[in-house]
N, C-alpha and C. Protein backbone atom coordinates (compact mmCIF):
# COMPACT_ATOMS: atom_id res chain seq x y z
N UNK A 1 0.16 -42.42 14.14
CA UNK A 1 -0.36 -41.25 13.58
C UNK A 1 0.63 -40.18 13.77
N UNK A 2 0.34 -39.83 12.56
CA UNK A 2 1.16 -38.23 11.92
C UNK A 2 1.52 -37.22 12.60
N UNK A 3 2.56 -36.79 12.57
CA UNK A 3 2.84 -35.74 13.81
C UNK A 3 2.70 -34.46 12.97
N UNK A 4 1.69 -33.96 13.74
CA UNK A 4 1.80 -32.24 13.12
C UNK A 4 2.85 -31.39 13.50
N UNK A 5 3.33 -30.28 12.45
CA UNK A 5 4.17 -29.49 12.79
C UNK A 5 3.77 -28.07 13.55
N UNK A 6 4.50 -27.42 14.10
CA UNK A 6 3.31 -26.99 15.07
C UNK A 6 4.23 -25.72 14.73
N UNK A 7 3.12 -25.01 14.67
CA UNK A 7 3.02 -23.73 14.05
C UNK A 7 4.10 -23.02 15.21
N UNK A 8 4.88 -21.83 14.26
CA UNK A 8 5.46 -21.00 14.89
C UNK A 8 5.41 -19.85 15.16
N UNK A 9 5.42 -19.30 16.44
CA UNK A 9 5.34 -18.21 16.59
C UNK A 9 6.51 -16.86 15.67
N UNK A 10 5.85 -15.76 15.16
CA UNK A 10 6.52 -15.09 14.52
C UNK A 10 7.65 -14.13 15.28
N UNK A 11 9.31 -14.37 14.81
CA UNK A 11 9.88 -13.55 15.79
C UNK A 11 9.69 -12.31 15.63
N UNK A 12 10.19 -11.38 16.87
CA UNK A 12 9.72 -10.05 16.74
C UNK A 12 10.16 -9.12 15.72
N UNK A 13 10.94 -9.62 14.85
CA UNK A 13 11.35 -9.19 13.48
C UNK A 13 10.44 -8.89 12.76
N UNK A 14 10.00 -10.04 12.10
CA UNK A 14 8.80 -10.68 11.34
C UNK A 14 8.09 -9.71 11.86
N UNK A 15 7.43 -9.94 13.24
CA UNK A 15 6.04 -9.05 13.76
C UNK A 15 6.14 -7.24 13.53
N UNK A 16 7.36 -6.95 14.00
CA UNK A 16 7.45 -5.70 13.87
C UNK A 16 7.36 -5.34 12.15
N UNK A 17 7.85 -6.12 11.30
CA UNK A 17 7.65 -6.25 10.06
C UNK A 17 6.55 -5.96 9.77
N UNK A 18 5.50 -6.72 9.64
CA UNK A 18 4.23 -6.98 9.54
C UNK A 18 3.21 -6.23 9.60
N UNK A 19 3.94 -5.49 11.06
CA UNK A 19 3.07 -4.18 11.95
C UNK A 19 3.43 -3.27 11.33
N UNK A 20 4.33 -2.96 10.38
CA UNK A 20 5.12 -1.52 9.28
C UNK A 20 4.25 -1.89 8.06
N UNK A 21 4.22 -2.76 7.89
CA UNK A 21 3.53 -3.17 6.17
C UNK A 21 2.09 -2.89 6.83
N UNK A 22 1.57 -3.24 7.49
CA UNK A 22 -0.05 -3.19 7.67
C UNK A 22 0.03 -1.27 7.85
N UNK A 23 0.92 -0.69 9.08
CA UNK A 23 0.51 0.88 8.38
C UNK A 23 1.05 2.02 7.10
N UNK A 24 1.88 1.20 6.38
CA UNK A 24 1.88 1.75 4.98
C UNK A 24 0.80 1.38 3.64
N UNK A 25 0.44 0.31 4.53
CA UNK A 25 -0.88 0.28 3.92
C UNK A 25 -1.65 1.13 4.19
N UNK A 26 -2.04 1.27 5.79
CA UNK A 26 -2.99 2.36 6.22
C UNK A 26 -2.92 3.64 6.02
N UNK A 27 -1.23 3.87 5.80
CA UNK A 27 -1.32 5.83 5.23
C UNK A 27 -1.64 6.02 4.16
N UNK A 28 -1.26 5.08 3.05
CA UNK A 28 -1.29 4.65 1.74
C UNK A 28 -2.97 5.21 1.34
N UNK A 29 -3.62 4.14 1.69
CA UNK A 29 -5.09 4.82 1.93
C UNK A 29 -5.69 5.48 2.12
N UNK A 30 -5.20 6.29 3.19
CA UNK A 30 -5.86 7.24 3.94
C UNK A 30 -5.24 9.13 3.19
N UNK A 31 -4.36 8.68 2.65
CA UNK A 31 -3.83 9.80 1.31
C UNK A 31 -4.44 9.94 0.18
N UNK A 32 -4.78 8.67 -0.46
CA UNK A 32 -5.25 9.14 -1.60
C UNK A 32 -6.68 8.81 -0.97
N UNK A 33 -7.63 8.30 0.03
CA UNK A 33 -8.75 8.56 -0.05
C UNK A 33 -8.90 10.57 0.21
N UNK A 34 -7.72 11.28 1.19
CA UNK A 34 -7.74 12.53 0.97
C UNK A 34 -7.96 13.27 -0.27
N UNK A 35 -7.18 12.82 -1.29
CA UNK A 35 -7.16 13.35 -2.29
C UNK A 35 -8.09 12.74 -3.82
N UNK A 36 -8.51 11.81 -3.18
CA UNK A 36 -9.71 11.28 -4.28
C UNK A 36 -10.82 12.55 -5.04
N UNK A 37 -11.13 12.50 -6.06
CA UNK A 37 -11.45 11.34 -6.53
C UNK A 37 -9.62 11.09 -7.56
N UNK A 38 -8.94 12.39 -7.58
CA UNK A 38 -7.51 12.49 -8.00
C UNK A 38 -6.56 11.02 -7.78
N UNK A 39 -5.94 11.09 -8.93
CA UNK A 39 -4.94 9.85 -8.45
C UNK A 39 -3.72 10.11 -8.60
N UNK A 40 -3.01 9.53 -8.04
CA UNK A 40 -1.53 10.24 -7.16
C UNK A 40 -0.44 9.38 -8.10
N UNK A 41 0.50 10.19 -8.57
CA UNK A 41 2.18 9.33 -8.78
C UNK A 41 2.32 8.75 -7.90
N UNK A 42 3.22 7.88 -8.45
CA UNK A 42 3.53 6.90 -7.34
C UNK A 42 4.61 7.90 -6.51
N UNK A 43 5.77 8.63 -6.97
CA UNK A 43 6.33 9.17 -6.65
C UNK A 43 6.10 10.23 -5.98
N UNK A 44 5.22 11.20 -6.38
CA UNK A 44 4.36 11.97 -5.72
C UNK A 44 4.13 10.89 -3.63
N UNK A 45 3.23 10.18 -4.14
CA UNK A 45 3.39 8.65 -2.90
C UNK A 45 4.10 8.76 -1.91
N UNK A 46 5.67 7.96 -2.79
CA UNK A 46 6.66 8.15 -1.79
C UNK A 46 6.92 9.35 -1.08
N UNK A 47 7.35 10.75 -1.85
CA UNK A 47 7.60 12.25 -1.54
C UNK A 47 6.83 12.15 -0.19
N UNK A 48 5.23 12.22 -0.32
CA UNK A 48 4.67 12.70 0.93
C UNK A 48 4.63 11.88 2.12
N UNK A 49 5.00 10.28 1.78
CA UNK A 49 5.12 9.13 3.09
C UNK A 49 6.64 10.00 3.88
N UNK A 50 7.38 9.99 2.60
CA UNK A 50 9.13 10.51 3.31
C UNK A 50 8.72 11.21 4.35
N UNK A 51 8.20 12.86 3.96
CA UNK A 51 7.78 13.56 4.66
C UNK A 51 7.06 13.49 5.87
N UNK A 52 6.17 12.22 6.00
CA UNK A 52 5.57 12.38 7.14
C UNK A 52 6.20 11.10 7.81
N UNK A 53 7.70 11.06 7.66
CA UNK A 53 8.66 10.75 8.52
C UNK A 53 8.08 8.48 8.58
N UNK A 54 7.76 8.47 7.41
CA UNK A 54 7.61 6.70 6.79
C UNK A 54 9.27 6.70 6.21
N UNK A 55 9.73 5.80 6.64
CA UNK A 55 10.87 5.62 5.89
C UNK A 55 10.25 4.56 5.03
N UNK A 56 10.23 4.33 3.62
CA UNK A 56 9.97 3.52 2.53
C UNK A 56 10.79 3.58 1.47
N UNK A 57 11.13 2.54 1.31
CA UNK A 57 11.64 2.33 -0.31
C UNK A 57 10.51 2.44 -1.16
N UNK A 58 11.39 2.09 -3.08
CA UNK A 58 9.78 2.38 -3.65
C UNK A 58 9.72 0.77 -3.42
N UNK A 59 10.63 -0.01 -3.50
CA UNK A 59 10.00 -1.79 -3.53
C UNK A 59 8.49 -1.97 -2.22
N UNK A 60 9.29 -1.53 -0.90
CA UNK A 60 7.99 -1.60 -0.40
C UNK A 60 6.60 -0.38 -0.30
N UNK A 61 7.00 0.05 -1.04
CA UNK A 61 5.37 0.69 -1.73
C UNK A 61 4.71 0.06 -2.80
N UNK A 62 5.98 -0.56 -3.94
CA UNK A 62 5.47 -1.29 -4.58
C UNK A 62 4.63 -2.51 -4.45
N UNK A 63 5.44 -2.86 -3.28
CA UNK A 63 4.81 -4.09 -2.62
C UNK A 63 3.17 -3.64 -1.71
N UNK A 64 3.09 -2.58 -1.25
CA UNK A 64 2.12 -2.36 -0.42
C UNK A 64 1.27 -2.12 -1.41
N UNK A 65 1.28 -1.31 -2.85
CA UNK A 65 0.19 -1.23 -3.43
C UNK A 65 0.13 -2.39 -4.43
N UNK A 66 0.80 -3.23 -4.40
CA UNK A 66 0.41 -4.47 -4.72
C UNK A 66 -0.66 -5.62 -4.15
N UNK A 67 -0.14 -5.47 -2.46
CA UNK A 67 -1.15 -5.94 -2.04
C UNK A 67 -2.62 -5.02 -1.52
N UNK A 68 -2.96 -3.83 -1.95
CA UNK A 68 -3.71 -3.15 -1.89
C UNK A 68 -4.66 -3.21 -3.27
N UNK A 69 -3.66 -3.73 -4.61
CA UNK A 69 -4.81 -3.81 -5.63
C UNK A 69 -5.41 -4.81 -5.27
N UNK A 70 -4.35 -6.20 -5.14
CA UNK A 70 -5.18 -7.39 -5.17
C UNK A 70 -5.70 -7.62 -4.29
N UNK A 71 -6.56 -6.72 -2.86
CA UNK A 71 -7.71 -6.40 -1.79
C UNK A 71 -8.65 -5.74 -2.93
N UNK A 72 -8.41 -5.23 -3.80
CA UNK A 72 -9.29 -4.52 -4.30
C UNK A 72 -9.92 -3.06 -4.15
N UNK A 73 -8.90 -2.45 -3.01
CA UNK A 73 -8.17 -1.25 -2.22
C UNK A 73 -7.99 -0.09 -3.38
N UNK A 74 -7.13 -0.17 -4.14
CA UNK A 74 -6.83 0.69 -5.34
C UNK A 74 -6.87 0.18 -6.43
N UNK A 75 -6.61 1.17 -6.94
CA UNK A 75 -6.35 0.29 -8.72
C UNK A 75 -5.40 1.93 -8.90
N UNK A 76 -4.73 0.50 -10.17
CA UNK A 76 -3.87 1.79 -11.09
C UNK A 76 -3.63 1.76 -12.56
N UNK A 77 -2.69 2.86 -13.30
CA UNK A 77 -2.76 2.84 -14.18
C UNK A 77 -0.67 3.07 -14.59
N UNK A 78 -0.12 2.16 -15.94
CA UNK A 78 1.14 2.40 -15.76
C UNK A 78 1.41 3.23 -16.86
N UNK A 79 1.56 4.38 -17.31
CA UNK A 79 2.10 5.30 -18.28
C UNK A 79 3.20 5.34 -18.70
N UNK A 80 3.43 5.03 -19.77
CA UNK A 80 5.44 5.49 -20.39
C UNK A 80 5.30 6.83 -20.84
N UNK A 81 6.07 7.65 -20.98
CA UNK A 81 5.93 8.44 -21.54
C UNK A 81 6.50 8.44 -23.35
N UNK A 82 5.80 9.51 -24.00
CA UNK A 82 6.27 8.73 -25.35
C UNK A 82 7.55 9.97 -25.97
N UNK A 83 7.87 10.20 -25.14
CA UNK A 83 8.79 11.70 -26.05
C UNK A 83 9.68 10.71 -25.21
N UNK A 84 9.62 10.09 -23.45
CA UNK A 84 11.41 10.03 -23.16
C UNK A 84 10.67 8.23 -22.70
N UNK A 85 10.64 7.90 -24.11
CA UNK A 85 10.42 5.71 -23.78
C UNK A 85 11.02 5.19 -22.85
N UNK A 86 12.53 5.97 -22.88
CA UNK A 86 13.82 5.04 -22.09
C UNK A 86 13.50 5.34 -20.40
N UNK A 87 12.44 6.56 -20.13
CA UNK A 87 12.21 7.00 -18.70
C UNK A 87 11.45 5.29 -17.99
N UNK A 88 11.84 5.47 -16.62
CA UNK A 88 11.08 4.19 -15.94
C UNK A 88 9.32 4.58 -16.14
N UNK A 89 8.48 3.51 -15.97
CA UNK A 89 7.27 4.12 -16.23
C UNK A 89 6.50 4.86 -14.95
N UNK A 90 5.65 5.46 -15.08
CA UNK A 90 4.88 6.27 -14.23
C UNK A 90 3.25 5.28 -13.82
N UNK A 91 3.18 5.23 -12.49
CA UNK A 91 2.12 4.93 -11.87
C UNK A 91 0.82 5.84 -11.40
N UNK A 92 -0.20 6.30 -11.71
CA UNK A 92 -0.98 7.02 -11.31
C UNK A 92 -2.05 5.66 -10.18
N UNK A 93 -2.37 6.24 -9.09
CA UNK A 93 -2.47 5.16 -8.12
C UNK A 93 -4.30 6.14 -7.30
N UNK A 94 -4.90 5.02 -7.52
CA UNK A 94 -5.95 5.91 -7.10
C UNK A 94 -7.12 4.65 -6.16
N UNK A 95 -8.16 5.04 -5.17
CA UNK A 95 -9.05 4.48 -4.25
C UNK A 95 -9.95 3.93 -4.55
N UNK A 96 -10.25 2.81 -4.65
CA UNK A 96 -11.42 2.32 -5.08
C UNK A 96 -12.60 2.83 -3.84
N UNK A 97 -13.55 1.97 -4.08
CA UNK A 97 -14.91 2.12 -3.46
C UNK A 97 -14.59 1.37 -1.97
N UNK A 98 -14.11 0.39 -2.24
CA UNK A 98 -13.43 -0.68 -0.94
C UNK A 98 -12.49 -0.14 -0.05
N UNK A 99 -11.70 0.51 -0.83
CA UNK A 99 -10.35 1.07 0.18
C UNK A 99 -11.18 2.42 0.66
N UNK A 100 -12.20 2.98 0.14
CA UNK A 100 -12.57 4.38 0.95
C UNK A 100 -13.88 3.62 2.04
N UNK A 101 -14.24 2.62 1.77
CA UNK A 101 -15.21 2.44 2.90
C UNK A 101 -14.01 1.67 4.31
N UNK A 102 -12.49 1.05 3.83
CA UNK A 102 -11.57 0.61 4.64
C UNK A 102 -11.26 2.19 5.83
N UNK A 103 -11.27 3.35 5.10
CA UNK A 103 -10.92 4.34 5.45
C UNK A 103 -12.20 4.87 6.17
N UNK A 104 -13.29 4.69 5.63
CA UNK A 104 -14.56 5.53 6.53
C UNK A 104 -14.33 4.48 7.81
N UNK A 105 -13.94 3.15 8.00
CA UNK A 105 -14.53 2.52 8.93
C UNK A 105 -15.79 1.28 9.28
N UNK A 106 -16.31 1.43 7.97
CA UNK A 106 -17.59 0.79 7.73
C UNK A 106 -17.24 -0.87 7.14
N UNK A 107 -15.65 -1.09 6.92
CA UNK A 107 -15.13 -2.30 6.90
C UNK A 107 -14.07 -2.19 7.15
N UNK A 108 -13.03 -3.74 7.48
CA UNK A 108 -12.33 -4.06 8.06
C UNK A 108 -10.87 -4.70 7.12
N UNK A 109 -9.66 -4.99 7.53
CA UNK A 109 -8.97 -6.17 6.60
C UNK A 109 -7.67 -6.02 8.08
N UNK A 110 -7.99 -7.38 8.22
CA UNK A 110 -6.99 -7.43 9.68
C UNK A 110 -5.49 -7.29 9.16
N UNK A 111 -5.14 -6.65 7.45
CA UNK A 111 -4.15 -6.50 7.15
C UNK A 111 -3.62 -4.40 6.77
N UNK A 112 -4.51 -4.15 7.34
CA UNK A 112 -4.11 -2.76 7.07
C UNK A 112 -4.41 -1.91 8.12
N UNK A 113 -4.03 -1.05 8.38
CA UNK A 113 -3.89 -0.74 10.15
C UNK A 113 -4.41 1.04 9.35
N UNK A 114 -5.45 1.35 9.23
CA UNK A 114 -5.90 3.00 8.98
C UNK A 114 -5.52 3.78 10.01
N UNK A 115 -4.36 5.13 10.01
CA UNK A 115 -4.35 5.67 11.14
C UNK A 115 -5.46 6.52 11.09
């Protein structure tokens, strides 16, 4: 008889990191819903999150946006400066109808905590 590996419970740090990621995703959707139909630059999003006392890195923001995009909750476009092609790309982010439904409470995703 084959033995199955028991599922390991996430440790406390993993659970805290997962909860933090869910809150960040929810905060992003809420911010984007407030500004809709306008799109926001990723740098602006990062600054607003910092002012709201979210301690978030650009890498964490990128991961949260990738998660939200894969779920169809946000869409974004990457732009390069014609005048300054050496500058990093700018990302303009907007919420989709599915993302707005999450914020409005008409749908649910266990990976996102809407504030």
